Amino acid sequence: ATLTSKILGTMMASNMSIEESVYTIAKSLPICKVRNMAYSTFTILQIYQRGDAYLAQFDNPSVILIREGKNVVYDSMCKVIYEKEIYESNIKLYIGDMIILLTDGVTSAGLGRTTKNGWRRESVIEYVQRWYTPEMSPQRMAATIANASMDLYLNSPDDDITVAVFKICERKVVNLMIGPPEHKEDDNKVLKLFFSRKGKKIICGGTTAKIVSRYLNKPIVINNNTCNEETPSTACIEGVDLVTEGVITLEKVLNIAKQYSVTSNISLDLRNKIDGASMIAKILFEESTDINFFIGNAINPVHDDSNSHISYTIKLGIIRELEKILSNMGKNVKVSMC
């Protein structure tokens, strides 16, 4: 399966035809002893900027298309290529559409244990429709399906559980500021630029929050119920989407990011958490496409001279690591120093 995905990904990205791709797979894969032929199931999904998608499916459960919370039946045409029945589809997509790819390890979940005939595709669709909400992220939907499959297997799967979910969405911008500008006389100029940007606004750091409060002429209101052993409380300032503590909170966000990239369960863990780090993580990882970091270069007056440069170095290091992880997630990330 790994070899198949690498071959198909490389060839389709190079605009090779499906016939050429299948032929290459047939020549490259080892012979299956049961079928006496080179064999691997696959699903190819190509989404184009013009708003449509191409699907090619072989022996995997049919891709599920969810539109406005309901399953959509789409047309498929069977094409026989080197004795393999490949089902091709061309689908017009719309904002909010969710496309779900899965392996038969999902649809056969629980077979002979908790279900008589496995978790059929029809049952998966019913489950998806029951849990779907318009704001649900593709990461969370994938994790929800995978976890349900594991439950049906009683946490001991007989086959791989692979789920990939794509959601068509408009660009969503998030602007995050940590630390005040290097020169105090630049405060208003920098904040004017920050608040002129479209998208959500996140402020990190007590000193930065005070400067923003003065700029907006709005009070800071502490949310005492949002702290835990690892993360200080969040706060509210009218005109700002989220206000948190600085370095400690962002360091926790970085730790979440590292886990998020390797396990789907983190998305479910974040679902109902209201601490500052979890709130930032949800916004950056699941609700944004474009992220603008504004890093203030001012020395934090809270720290003494011996610790101020160390604190700044740590802050910058956290942002740079986050930038790398977010870029690997496919986000457009820009870091500006001020």
C-alpha atoms as a PDB file:
ATOM      1  CA  ALA A   1       0.000   0.000   0.000  1.00  0.00           C
ATOM      2  CA  THR A   2       2.840   2.395   0.822  1.00  0.00           C
ATOM      3  CA  LEU A   3       4.584   1.671  -2.475  1.00  0.00           C
ATOM      4  CA  THR A   4       1.295   2.088  -4.350  1.00  0.00           C
ATOM      5  CA  SER A   5       0.583   5.473  -2.773  1.00  0.00           C
ATOM      6  CA  LYS A   6       4.091   6.728  -3.566  1.00  0.00           C
ATOM      7  CA  ILE A   7       3.872   5.584  -7.199  1.00  0.00           C
ATOM      8  CA  LEU A   8       0.380   6.999  -7.722  1.00  0.00           C
ATOM      9  CA  GLY A   9       1.163  10.268  -5.967  1.00  0.00           C
ATOM     10  CA  THR A  10       4.268  10.852  -8.066  1.00  0.00           C
ATOM     11  CA  MET A  11       2.661   9.891 -11.373  1.00  0.00           C
ATOM     12  CA  MET A  12      -0.625  11.738 -10.921  1.00  0.00           C
ATOM     13  CA  ALA A  13       1.247  14.865  -9.771  1.00  0.00           C
ATOM     14  CA  SER A  14       3.164  14.623 -13.056  1.00  0.00           C
ATOM     15  CA  ASN A  15      -0.147  14.538 -14.987  1.00  0.00           C
ATOM     16  CA  MET A  16       0.302  10.911 -16.043  1.00  0.00           C
ATOM     17  CA  SER A  17      -2.872   9.138 -17.153  1.00  0.00           C
ATOM     18  CA  ILE A  18      -4.672   6.637 -14.945  1.00  0.00           C
ATOM     19  CA  GLU A  19      -3.823   3.927 -17.493  1.00  0.00           C
ATOM     20  CA  GLU A  20      -0.092   4.645 -17.236  1.00  0.00           C
ATOM     21  CA  SER A  21      -0.297   4.776 -13.450  1.00  0.00           C
ATOM     22  CA  VAL A  22      -2.108   1.436 -13.120  1.00  0.00           C
ATOM     23  CA  TYR A  23       0.300  -0.175 -15.590  1.00  0.00           C
ATOM     24  CA  THR A  24       3.277   1.046 -13.539  1.00  0.00           C
ATOM     25  CA  ILE A  25       1.727  -0.332 -10.353  1.00  0.00           C
ATOM     26  CA  ALA A  26       1.115  -3.701 -11.978  1.00  0.00           C
ATOM     27  CA  LYS A  27       4.761  -3.875 -13.041  1.00  0.00           C
ATOM     28  CA  SER A  28       6.168  -2.636  -9.729  1.00  0.00           C
ATOM     29  CA  LEU A  29       4.244  -4.492  -7.035  1.00  0.00           C
ATOM     30  CA  PRO A  30       5.147  -7.990  -5.837  1.00  0.00           C
ATOM     31  CA  ILE A  31       2.815 -10.804  -6.909  1.00  0.00           C
ATOM     32  CA  CYS A  32       0.032 -11.604  -4.426  1.00  0.00           C
ATOM     33  CA  LYS A  33       0.150 -15.355  -3.642  1.00  0.00           C
ATOM     34  CA  VAL A  34      -3.636 -15.578  -3.240  1.00  0.00           C
ATOM     35  CA  ARG A  35      -4.619 -13.690  -6.399  1.00  0.00           C
ATOM     36  CA  ASN A  36      -1.470 -14.615  -8.399  1.00  0.00           C
ATOM     37  CA  MET A  37      -1.190 -11.027  -9.590  1.00  0.00           C
ATOM     38  CA  ALA A  38       0.213  -7.663  -8.529  1.00  0.00           C
ATOM     39  CA  TYR A  39      -2.498  -6.237  -6.307  1.00  0.00           C
ATOM     40  CA  SER A  40      -3.204  -3.241  -4.121  1.00  0.00           C
ATOM     41  CA  THR A  41      -6.411  -1.315  -3.560  1.00  0.00           C
ATOM     42  CA  PHE A  42      -6.282   2.442  -4.071  1.00  0.00           C
ATOM     43  CA  THR A  43      -8.323   5.615  -4.126  1.00  0.00           C
ATOM     44  CA  ILE A  44      -7.102   8.683  -5.992  1.00  0.00           C
ATOM     45  CA  LEU A  45      -8.592  12.102  -5.278  1.00  0.00           C
ATOM     46  CA  GLN A  46      -7.462  15.176  -7.185  1.00  0.00           C
ATOM     47  CA  ILE A  47      -9.041  18.519  -6.247  1.00  0.00           C
ATOM     48  CA  TYR A  48      -8.570  21.415  -8.642  1.00  0.00           C
ATOM     49  CA  GLN A  49      -8.617  25.137  -7.883  1.00  0.00           C
ATOM     50  CA  ARG A  50     -11.452  25.607 -10.348  1.00  0.00           C
ATOM     51  CA  GLY A  51     -13.738  23.770  -7.914  1.00  0.00           C
ATOM     52  CA  ASP A  52     -14.068  20.227  -9.181  1.00  0.00           C
ATOM     53  CA  ALA A  53     -12.546  16.873  -8.306  1.00  0.00           C
ATOM     54  CA  TYR A  54     -11.409  13.719 -10.087  1.00  0.00           C
ATOM     55  CA  LEU A  55     -11.828  10.335  -8.405  1.00  0.00           C
ATOM     56  CA  ALA A  56     -10.353   6.973  -9.393  1.00  0.00           C
ATOM     57  CA  GLN A  57     -11.241   4.036  -7.148  1.00  0.00           C
ATOM     58  CA  PHE A  58     -10.162   0.408  -7.133  1.00  0.00           C
ATOM     59  CA  ASP A  59     -11.461  -2.123  -4.598  1.00  0.00           C
ATOM     60  CA  ASN A  60     -11.708   0.345  -1.711  1.00  0.00           C
ATOM     61  CA  PRO A  61     -15.090   1.320  -0.230  1.00  0.00           C
ATOM     62  CA  SER A  62     -16.609   4.072  -2.368  1.00  0.00           C
ATOM     63  CA  VAL A  63     -15.684   7.594  -1.347  1.00  0.00           C
ATOM     64  CA  ILE A  64     -18.368   9.348   0.713  1.00  0.00           C
ATOM     65  CA  LEU A  65     -19.416  12.874  -0.269  1.00  0.00           C
ATOM     66  CA  ILE A  66     -21.217  14.918   2.391  1.00  0.00           C
ATOM     67  CA  ARG A  67     -22.955  18.148   1.401  1.00  0.00           C
ATOM     68  CA  GLU A  68     -24.834  20.233   3.971  1.00  0.00           C
ATOM     69  CA  GLY A  69     -24.744  17.251   6.305  1.00  0.00           C
ATOM     70  CA  LYS A  70     -26.276  14.786   3.853  1.00  0.00           C
ATOM     71  CA  ASN A  71     -24.801  12.023   1.699  1.00  0.00           C
ATOM     72  CA  VAL A  72     -24.600  12.873  -2.005  1.00  0.00           C
ATOM     73  CA  VAL A  73     -24.765  10.145  -4.652  1.00  0.00           C
ATOM     74  CA  TYR A  74     -22.359  10.870  -7.506  1.00  0.00           C
ATOM     75  CA  ASP A  75     -21.933   9.230 -10.909  1.00  0.00           C
ATOM     76  CA  SER A  76     -19.118   6.781 -11.605  1.00  0.00           C
ATOM     77  CA  MET A  77     -17.957   5.187 -14.836  1.00  0.00           C
ATOM     78  CA  CYS A  78     -16.237   1.808 -14.871  1.00  0.00           C
ATOM     79  CA  LYS A  79     -13.082   1.520 -16.944  1.00  0.00           C
ATOM     80  CA  VAL A  80     -11.241  -1.803 -17.251  1.00  0.00           C
ATOM     81  CA  ILE A  81      -7.483  -1.224 -17.180  1.00  0.00           C
ATOM     82  CA  TYR A  82      -5.174  -4.255 -17.247  1.00  0.00           C
ATOM     83  CA  GLU A  83      -8.008  -6.505 -16.017  1.00  0.00           C
ATOM     84  CA  LYS A  84      -8.808  -4.133 -13.150  1.00  0.00           C
ATOM     85  CA  GLU A  85     -12.172  -2.372 -12.832  1.00  0.00           C
ATOM     86  CA  ILE A  86     -11.362   1.266 -12.088  1.00  0.00           C
ATOM     87  CA  TYR A  87     -14.303   3.533 -11.201  1.00  0.00           C
ATOM     88  CA  GLU A  88     -13.816   7.126 -12.304  1.00  0.00           C
ATOM     89  CA  SER A  89     -15.847  10.176 -11.284  1.00  0.00           C
ATOM     90  CA  ASN A  90     -15.755  13.889 -11.993  1.00  0.00           C
ATOM     91  CA  ILE A  91     -17.506  15.850  -9.260  1.00  0.00           C
ATOM     92  CA  LYS A  92     -18.379  19.533  -8.946  1.00  0.00           C
ATOM     93  CA  LEU A  93     -17.563  20.654  -5.402  1.00  0.00           C
ATOM     94  CA  TYR A  94     -19.023  23.442  -3.276  1.00  0.00           C
ATOM     95  CA  ILE A  95     -17.967  25.323  -0.154  1.00  0.00           C
ATOM     96  CA  GLY A  96     -18.615  23.129   2.877  1.00  0.00           C
ATOM     97  CA  ASP A  97     -18.410  19.816   1.008  1.00  0.00           C
ATOM     98  CA  MET A  98     -16.670  17.042   2.931  1.00  0.00           C
ATOM     99  CA  ILE A  99     -15.017  14.163   1.042  1.00  0.00           C
ATOM    100  CA  ILE A 100     -14.278  11.008   3.038  1.00  0.00           C
ATOM    101  CA  LEU A 101     -11.828   8.338   1.831  1.00  0.00           C
ATOM    102  CA  LEU A 102     -11.534   5.082   3.742  1.00  0.00           C
ATOM    103  CA  THR A 103     -10.210   1.543   3.508  1.00  0.00           C
ATOM    104  CA  ASP A 104     -12.123  -1.685   4.040  1.00  0.00           C
ATOM    105  CA  GLY A 105     -10.564  -1.868   7.483  1.00  0.00           C
ATOM    106  CA  VAL A 106     -13.237   0.690   8.398  1.00  0.00           C
ATOM    107  CA  THR A 107     -16.218  -0.938   6.684  1.00  0.00           C
ATOM    108  CA  SER A 108     -15.346  -4.391   8.057  1.00  0.00           C
ATOM    109  CA  ALA A 109     -14.861  -3.090  11.610  1.00  0.00           C
ATOM    110  CA  GLY A 110     -16.279  -5.409  14.254  1.00  0.00           C
ATOM    111  CA  LEU A 111     -16.917  -8.265  11.828  1.00  0.00           C
ATOM    112  CA  GLY A 112     -17.698 -11.394  13.835  1.00  0.00           C
ATOM    113  CA  ARG A 113     -17.295  -9.550  17.135  1.00  0.00           C
ATOM    114  CA  THR A 114     -19.573  -6.581  17.638  1.00  0.00           C
ATOM    115  CA  THR A 115     -21.250  -6.672  14.214  1.00  0.00           C
ATOM    116  CA  LYS A 116     -22.507  -9.536  12.084  1.00  0.00           C
ATOM    117  CA  ASN A 117     -21.488  -8.089   8.705  1.00  0.00           C
ATOM    118  CA  GLY A 118     -18.984  -5.416   9.691  1.00  0.00           C
ATOM    119  CA  TRP A 119     -19.563  -1.675   9.713  1.00  0.00           C
ATOM    120  CA  ARG A 120     -21.052  -1.338   6.249  1.00  0.00           C
ATOM    121  CA  ARG A 121     -20.561   1.804   4.169  1.00  0.00           C
ATOM    122  CA  GLU A 122     -24.248   2.644   4.635  1.00  0.00           C
ATOM    123  CA  SER A 123     -23.801   2.515   8.407  1.00  0.00           C
ATOM    124  CA  VAL A 124     -20.691   4.694   8.201  1.00  0.00           C
ATOM    125  CA  ILE A 125     -22.723   7.260   6.233  1.00  0.00           C
ATOM    126  CA  GLU A 126     -25.475   7.229   8.870  1.00  0.00           C
ATOM    127  CA  TYR A 127     -22.860   7.707  11.588  1.00  0.00           C
ATOM    128  CA  VAL A 128     -21.209  10.597   9.724  1.00  0.00           C
ATOM    129  CA  GLN A 129     -24.549  12.330   9.140  1.00  0.00           C
ATOM    130  CA  ARG A 130     -25.389  11.973  12.832  1.00  0.00           C
ATOM    131  CA  TRP A 131     -22.119  13.564  14.021  1.00  0.00           C
ATOM    132  CA  TYR A 132     -21.679  16.156  11.266  1.00  0.00           C
ATOM    133  CA  THR A 133     -21.852  19.861  12.084  1.00  0.00           C
ATOM    134  CA  PRO A 134     -21.104  22.711   9.634  1.00  0.00           C
ATOM    135  CA  GLU A 135     -18.111  23.873  11.704  1.00  0.00           C
ATOM    136  CA  MET A 136     -16.638  20.372  12.122  1.00  0.00           C
ATOM    137  CA  SER A 137     -13.052  20.159  10.892  1.00  0.00           C
ATOM    138  CA  PRO A 138     -11.914  17.361   8.557  1.00  0.00           C
ATOM    139  CA  GLN A 139      -9.350  16.311  11.174  1.00  0.00           C
ATOM    140  CA  ARG A 140     -12.068  15.819  13.766  1.00  0.00           C
ATOM    141  CA  MET A 141     -14.319  13.907  11.370  1.00  0.00           C
ATOM    142  CA  ALA A 142     -11.458  11.555  10.448  1.00  0.00           C
ATOM    143  CA  ALA A 143     -10.645  10.978  14.120  1.00  0.00           C
ATOM    144  CA  THR A 144     -14.321  10.388  14.940  1.00  0.00           C
ATOM    145  CA  ILE A 145     -14.650   7.698  12.252  1.00  0.00           C
ATOM    146  CA  ALA A 146     -11.338   6.044  13.158  1.00  0.00           C
ATOM    147  CA  ASN A 147     -12.211   5.949  16.869  1.00  0.00           C
ATOM    148  CA  ALA A 148     -15.625   4.436  16.162  1.00  0.00           C
ATOM    149  CA  SER A 149     -13.918   1.748  14.068  1.00  0.00           C
ATOM    150  CA  MET A 150     -11.531   0.966  16.923  1.00  0.00           C
ATOM    151  CA  ASP A 151     -14.478   0.662  19.303  1.00  0.00           C
ATOM    152  CA  LEU A 152     -16.139  -1.872  16.986  1.00  0.00           C
ATOM    153  CA  TYR A 153     -12.864  -3.823  16.853  1.00  0.00           C
ATOM    154  CA  LEU A 154     -12.748  -3.713  20.682  1.00  0.00           C
ATOM    155  CA  ASN A 155      -9.407  -1.890  20.284  1.00  0.00           C
ATOM    156  CA  SER A 156      -7.851  -4.887  18.514  1.00  0.00           C
ATOM    157  CA  PRO A 157      -8.232  -4.303  14.750  1.00  0.00           C
ATOM    158  CA  ASP A 158      -7.811  -7.114  12.224  1.00  0.00           C
ATOM    159  CA  ASP A 159      -6.930  -4.681   9.427  1.00  0.00           C
ATOM    160  CA  ASP A 160      -5.533  -1.196   8.993  1.00  0.00           C
ATOM    161  CA  ILE A 161      -7.939   1.651   9.718  1.00  0.00           C
ATOM    162  CA  THR A 162      -7.220   4.431   7.246  1.00  0.00           C
ATOM    163  CA  VAL A 163      -9.436   7.513   6.973  1.00  0.00           C
ATOM    164  CA  ALA A 164      -8.673  10.701   5.035  1.00  0.00           C
ATOM    165  CA  VAL A 165     -11.113  13.610   5.062  1.00  0.00           C
ATOM    166  CA  PHE A 166     -11.026  16.763   2.951  1.00  0.00           C
ATOM    167  CA  LYS A 167     -13.246  19.802   3.404  1.00  0.00           C
ATOM    168  CA  ILE A 168     -13.787  22.567   0.875  1.00  0.00           C
ATOM    169  CA  CYS A 169     -13.620  25.869   2.716  1.00  0.00           C
ATOM    170  CA  GLU A 170     -12.953  29.530   2.135  1.00  0.00           C
ATOM    171  CA  ARG A 171      -9.647  31.000   3.221  1.00  0.00           C
ATOM    172  CA  LYS A 172      -9.606  31.853   6.920  1.00  0.00           C
ATOM    173  CA  VAL A 173      -6.984  34.224   8.299  1.00  0.00           C
ATOM    174  CA  VAL A 174      -5.701  34.301  11.888  1.00  0.00           C
ATOM    175  CA  ASN A 175      -3.456  37.050  13.270  1.00  0.00           C
ATOM    176  CA  LEU A 176      -1.504  36.326  16.465  1.00  0.00           C
ATOM    177  CA  MET A 177       0.562  38.899  18.352  1.00  0.00           C
ATOM    178  CA  ILE A 178       2.982  38.066  21.153  1.00  0.00           C
ATOM    179  CA  GLY A 179       5.065  40.744  22.836  1.00  0.00           C
ATOM    180  CA  PRO A 180       4.911  44.534  22.469  1.00  0.00           C
ATOM    181  CA  PRO A 181       6.786  46.404  19.715  1.00  0.00           C
ATOM    182  CA  GLU A 182      10.468  47.120  20.317  1.00  0.00           C
ATOM    183  CA  HIS A 183       9.914  50.889  20.417  1.00  0.00           C
ATOM    184  CA  LYS A 184       7.058  52.115  22.584  1.00  0.00           C
ATOM    185  CA  GLU A 185       6.344  54.996  20.191  1.00  0.00           C
ATOM    186  CA  ASP A 186       5.472  52.379  17.537  1.00  0.00           C
ATOM    187  CA  ASP A 187       2.708  50.770  19.625  1.00  0.00           C
ATOM    188  CA  ASN A 188      -0.207  52.526  17.925  1.00  0.00           C
ATOM    189  CA  LYS A 189       1.261  52.139  14.432  1.00  0.00           C
ATOM    190  CA  VAL A 190       1.831  48.396  14.868  1.00  0.00           C
ATOM    191  CA  LEU A 191      -1.568  47.810  16.469  1.00  0.00           C
ATOM    192  CA  LYS A 192      -3.285  49.789  13.715  1.00  0.00           C
ATOM    193  CA  LEU A 193      -1.659  47.455  11.184  1.00  0.00           C
ATOM    194  CA  PHE A 194      -2.539  44.380  13.265  1.00  0.00           C
ATOM    195  CA  PHE A 195      -6.219  45.282  13.614  1.00  0.00           C
ATOM    196  CA  SER A 196      -6.504  46.329   9.965  1.00  0.00           C
ATOM    197  CA  ARG A 197      -5.822  42.742   8.902  1.00  0.00           C
ATOM    198  CA  LYS A 198      -8.894  40.647   8.183  1.00  0.00           C
ATOM    199  CA  GLY A 199      -9.482  37.494  10.210  1.00  0.00           C
ATOM    200  CA  LYS A 200      -9.372  36.451  13.854  1.00  0.00           C
ATOM    201  CA  LYS A 201      -7.169  38.264  16.359  1.00  0.00           C
ATOM    202  CA  ILE A 202      -5.241  36.490  19.141  1.00  0.00           C
ATOM    203  CA  ILE A 203      -3.197  38.379  21.732  1.00  0.00           C
ATOM    204  CA  CYS A 204      -0.600  36.494  23.801  1.00  0.00           C
ATOM    205  CA  GLY A 205       1.118  37.957  26.848  1.00  0.00           C
ATOM    206  CA  GLY A 206       0.048  40.153  29.753  1.00  0.00           C
ATOM    207  CA  THR A 207       2.058  43.223  28.726  1.00  0.00           C
ATOM    208  CA  THR A 208       0.808  42.969  25.139  1.00  0.00           C
ATOM    209  CA  ALA A 209      -2.781  42.640  26.391  1.00  0.00           C
ATOM    210  CA  LYS A 210      -2.418  45.839  28.461  1.00  0.00           C
ATOM    211  CA  ILE A 211      -1.147  47.758  25.421  1.00  0.00           C
ATOM    212  CA  VAL A 212      -4.044  46.441  23.316  1.00  0.00           C
ATOM    213  CA  SER A 213      -6.505  47.328  26.090  1.00  0.00           C
ATOM    214  CA  ARG A 214      -5.252  50.930  26.075  1.00  0.00           C
ATOM    215  CA  TYR A 215      -5.295  51.092  22.272  1.00  0.00           C
ATOM    216  CA  LEU A 216      -8.896  49.841  22.037  1.00  0.00           C
ATOM    217  CA  ASN A 217      -9.939  51.631  25.235  1.00  0.00           C
ATOM    218  CA  LYS A 218     -11.517  48.394  26.446  1.00  0.00           C
ATOM    219  CA  PRO A 219     -10.964  46.647  29.799  1.00  0.00           C
ATOM    220  CA  ILE A 220      -9.282  43.267  30.292  1.00  0.00           C
ATOM    221  CA  VAL A 221     -11.631  40.736  31.887  1.00  0.00           C
ATOM    222  CA  ILE A 222     -10.001  37.570  33.266  1.00  0.00           C
ATOM    223  CA  ASN A 223     -11.698  34.203  32.638  1.00  0.00           C
ATOM    224  CA  ASN A 224     -10.865  32.474  35.914  1.00  0.00           C
ATOM    225  CA  ASN A 225     -12.452  29.159  34.893  1.00  0.00           C
ATOM    226  CA  THR A 226     -10.032  28.607  31.987  1.00  0.00           C
ATOM    227  CA  CYS A 227      -6.777  27.912  33.815  1.00  0.00           C
ATOM    228  CA  ASN A 228      -5.313  24.516  34.647  1.00  0.00           C
ATOM    229  CA  GLU A 229      -2.077  23.169  36.119  1.00  0.00           C
ATOM    230  CA  GLU A 230      -0.175  23.810  32.875  1.00  0.00           C
ATOM    231  CA  THR A 231      -1.756  26.939  31.395  1.00  0.00           C
ATOM    232  CA  PRO A 232      -2.699  30.321  32.930  1.00  0.00           C
ATOM    233  CA  SER A 233      -6.186  31.800  32.522  1.00  0.00           C
ATOM    234  CA  THR A 234      -7.404  33.417  29.328  1.00  0.00           C
ATOM    235  CA  ALA A 235      -8.975  36.866  29.236  1.00  0.00           C
ATOM    236  CA  CYS A 236     -11.399  38.917  27.171  1.00  0.00           C
ATOM    237  CA  ILE A 237     -10.929  42.265  25.460  1.00  0.00           C
ATOM    238  CA  GLU A 238     -13.774  43.525  23.307  1.00  0.00           C
ATOM    239  CA  GLY A 239     -12.584  43.473  19.690  1.00  0.00           C
ATOM    240  CA  VAL A 240     -10.171  40.566  20.239  1.00  0.00           C
ATOM    241  CA  ASP A 241     -11.114  36.928  19.632  1.00  0.00           C
ATOM    242  CA  LEU A 242      -8.778  35.408  22.240  1.00  0.00           C
ATOM    243  CA  VAL A 243      -6.409  36.766  24.897  1.00  0.00           C
ATOM    244  CA  THR A 244      -3.936  34.444  26.624  1.00  0.00           C
ATOM    245  CA  GLU A 245      -0.712  34.439  28.615  1.00  0.00           C
ATOM    246  CA  GLY A 246       2.447  34.416  26.492  1.00  0.00           C
ATOM    247  CA  VAL A 247       5.396  32.031  26.447  1.00  0.00           C
ATOM    248  CA  ILE A 248       4.029  29.333  28.786  1.00  0.00           C
ATOM    249  CA  THR A 249       0.818  29.080  26.763  1.00  0.00           C
ATOM    250  CA  LEU A 250       2.567  29.043  23.376  1.00  0.00           C
ATOM    251  CA  GLU A 251       5.024  26.418  24.596  1.00  0.00           C
ATOM    252  CA  LYS A 252       2.013  24.246  25.433  1.00  0.00           C
ATOM    253  CA  VAL A 253       0.577  24.964  21.965  1.00  0.00           C
ATOM    254  CA  LEU A 254       3.856  23.746  20.459  1.00  0.00           C
ATOM    255  CA  ASN A 255       3.657  20.518  22.486  1.00  0.00           C
ATOM    256  CA  ILE A 256       0.091  19.972  21.257  1.00  0.00           C
ATOM    257  CA  ALA A 257       1.230  20.641  17.674  1.00  0.00           C
ATOM    258  CA  LYS A 258       3.901  17.953  17.903  1.00  0.00           C
ATOM    259  CA  GLN A 259       1.325  15.404  19.119  1.00  0.00           C
ATOM    260  CA  TYR A 260      -1.298  16.585  16.629  1.00  0.00           C
ATOM    261  CA  SER A 261       0.905  15.743  13.670  1.00  0.00           C
ATOM    262  CA  VAL A 262       1.235  12.078  14.689  1.00  0.00           C
ATOM    263  CA  THR A 263      -2.115  11.090  16.248  1.00  0.00           C
ATOM    264  CA  SER A 264      -5.689  11.851  15.244  1.00  0.00           C
ATOM    265  CA  ASN A 265      -7.019  11.574  18.795  1.00  0.00           C
ATOM    266  CA  ILE A 266      -5.630  14.990  19.728  1.00  0.00           C
ATOM    267  CA  SER A 267      -8.391  16.619  17.661  1.00  0.00           C
ATOM    268  CA  LEU A 268     -11.007  14.859  19.786  1.00  0.00           C
ATOM    269  CA  ASP A 269      -9.160  15.718  23.002  1.00  0.00           C
ATOM    270  CA  LEU A 270      -9.222  19.415  22.082  1.00  0.00           C
ATOM    271  CA  ARG A 271     -12.927  19.434  21.293  1.00  0.00           C
ATOM    272  CA  ASN A 272     -14.287  20.589  24.660  1.00  0.00           C
ATOM    273  CA  LYS A 273     -11.185  22.135  26.253  1.00  0.00           C
ATOM    274  CA  ILE A 274     -11.301  25.839  27.087  1.00  0.00           C
ATOM    275  CA  ASP A 275      -7.770  26.543  28.336  1.00  0.00           C
ATOM    276  CA  GLY A 276      -5.714  29.065  26.377  1.00  0.00           C
ATOM    277  CA  ALA A 277      -3.344  26.605  24.713  1.00  0.00           C
ATOM    278  CA  SER A 278      -6.151  24.322  23.529  1.00  0.00           C
ATOM    279  CA  MET A 279      -8.150  27.280  22.211  1.00  0.00           C
ATOM    280  CA  ILE A 280      -5.158  28.573  20.228  1.00  0.00           C
ATOM    281  CA  ALA A 281      -4.436  25.053  18.938  1.00  0.00           C
ATOM    282  CA  LYS A 282      -8.005  24.602  17.689  1.00  0.00           C
ATOM    283  CA  ILE A 283      -7.927  27.944  15.898  1.00  0.00           C
ATOM    284  CA  LEU A 284      -4.489  27.465  14.307  1.00  0.00           C
ATOM    285  CA  PHE A 285      -4.796  23.782  13.407  1.00  0.00           C
ATOM    286  CA  GLU A 286      -8.465  23.437  12.468  1.00  0.00           C
ATOM    287  CA  GLU A 287      -9.957  26.850  11.735  1.00  0.00           C
ATOM    288  CA  SER A 288      -7.324  28.656   9.686  1.00  0.00           C
ATOM    289  CA  THR A 289      -5.656  28.543   6.289  1.00  0.00           C
ATOM    290  CA  ASP A 290      -3.458  31.656   6.643  1.00  0.00           C
ATOM    291  CA  ILE A 291      -1.616  32.613   9.843  1.00  0.00           C
ATOM    292  CA  ASN A 292       0.187  35.898  10.511  1.00  0.00           C
ATOM    293  CA  PHE A 293       2.495  36.019  13.550  1.00  0.00           C
ATOM    294  CA  PHE A 294       3.449  39.455  14.918  1.00  0.00           C
ATOM    295  CA  ILE A 295       6.435  39.116  17.259  1.00  0.00           C
ATOM    296  CA  GLY A 296       7.248  42.104  19.431  1.00  0.00           C
ATOM    297  CA  ASN A 297      10.946  42.727  20.002  1.00  0.00           C
ATOM    298  CA  ALA A 298      10.565  44.725  23.215  1.00  0.00           C
ATOM    299  CA  ILE A 299      12.318  43.521  26.357  1.00  0.00           C
ATOM    300  CA  ASN A 300       9.632  42.351  28.774  1.00  0.00           C
ATOM    301  CA  PRO A 301       9.738  44.669  31.818  1.00  0.00           C
ATOM    302  CA  VAL A 302       8.422  41.827  33.989  1.00  0.00           C
ATOM    303  CA  HIS A 303      11.781  40.028  33.631  1.00  0.00           C
ATOM    304  CA  ASP A 304      15.103  41.261  34.967  1.00  0.00           C
ATOM    305  CA  ASP A 305      17.975  41.909  32.571  1.00  0.00           C
ATOM    306  CA  SER A 306      19.515  38.470  33.063  1.00  0.00           C
ATOM    307  CA  ASN A 307      16.335  36.674  31.973  1.00  0.00           C
ATOM    308  CA  SER A 308      14.900  39.031  29.362  1.00  0.00           C
ATOM    309  CA  HIS A 309      17.065  37.896  26.450  1.00  0.00           C
ATOM    310  CA  ILE A 310      16.564  34.236  27.403  1.00  0.00           C
ATOM    311  CA  SER A 311      12.783  34.763  27.415  1.00  0.00           C
ATOM    312  CA  TYR A 312      12.895  36.451  23.991  1.00  0.00           C
ATOM    313  CA  THR A 313      15.023  33.638  22.532  1.00  0.00           C
ATOM    314  CA  ILE A 314      12.597  31.025  23.851  1.00  0.00           C
ATOM    315  CA  LYS A 315       9.628  32.949  22.420  1.00  0.00           C
ATOM    316  CA  LEU A 316      11.241  33.249  19.001  1.00  0.00           C
ATOM    317  CA  GLY A 317      12.238  29.575  19.025  1.00  0.00           C
ATOM    318  CA  ILE A 318       8.667  28.501  19.808  1.00  0.00           C
ATOM    319  CA  ILE A 319       7.250  30.596  16.969  1.00  0.00           C
ATOM    320  CA  ARG A 320       9.821  29.271  14.487  1.00  0.00           C
ATOM    321  CA  GLU A 321       9.011  25.664  15.435  1.00  0.00           C
ATOM    322  CA  LEU A 322       5.293  26.376  15.168  1.00  0.00           C
ATOM    323  CA  GLU A 323       5.868  28.006  11.794  1.00  0.00           C
ATOM    324  CA  LYS A 324       7.533  24.840  10.514  1.00  0.00           C
ATOM    325  CA  ILE A 325       4.807  22.504  11.811  1.00  0.00           C
ATOM    326  CA  LEU A 326       1.982  24.716  10.530  1.00  0.00           C
ATOM    327  CA  SER A 327       3.634  24.965   7.109  1.00  0.00           C
ATOM    328  CA  ASN A 328       3.835  21.167   7.003  1.00  0.00           C
ATOM    329  CA  MET A 329       0.083  21.133   7.702  1.00  0.00           C
ATOM    330  CA  GLY A 330      -0.395  23.143   4.519  1.00  0.00           C
ATOM    331  CA  LYS A 331      -0.947  26.521   6.196  1.00  0.00           C
ATOM    332  CA  ASN A 332       0.341  29.767   4.720  1.00  0.00           C
ATOM    333  CA  VAL A 333       2.436  31.236   7.541  1.00  0.00           C
ATOM    334  CA  LYS A 334       4.027  34.686   7.740  1.00  0.00           C
ATOM    335  CA  VAL A 335       6.191  35.896  10.644  1.00  0.00           C
ATOM    336  CA  SER A 336       6.693  39.658  11.127  1.00  0.00           C
ATOM    337  CA  MET A 337       8.993  41.247  13.698  1.00  0.00           C
ATOM    338  CA  CYS A 338       7.971  44.560  15.216  1.00  0.00           C
END
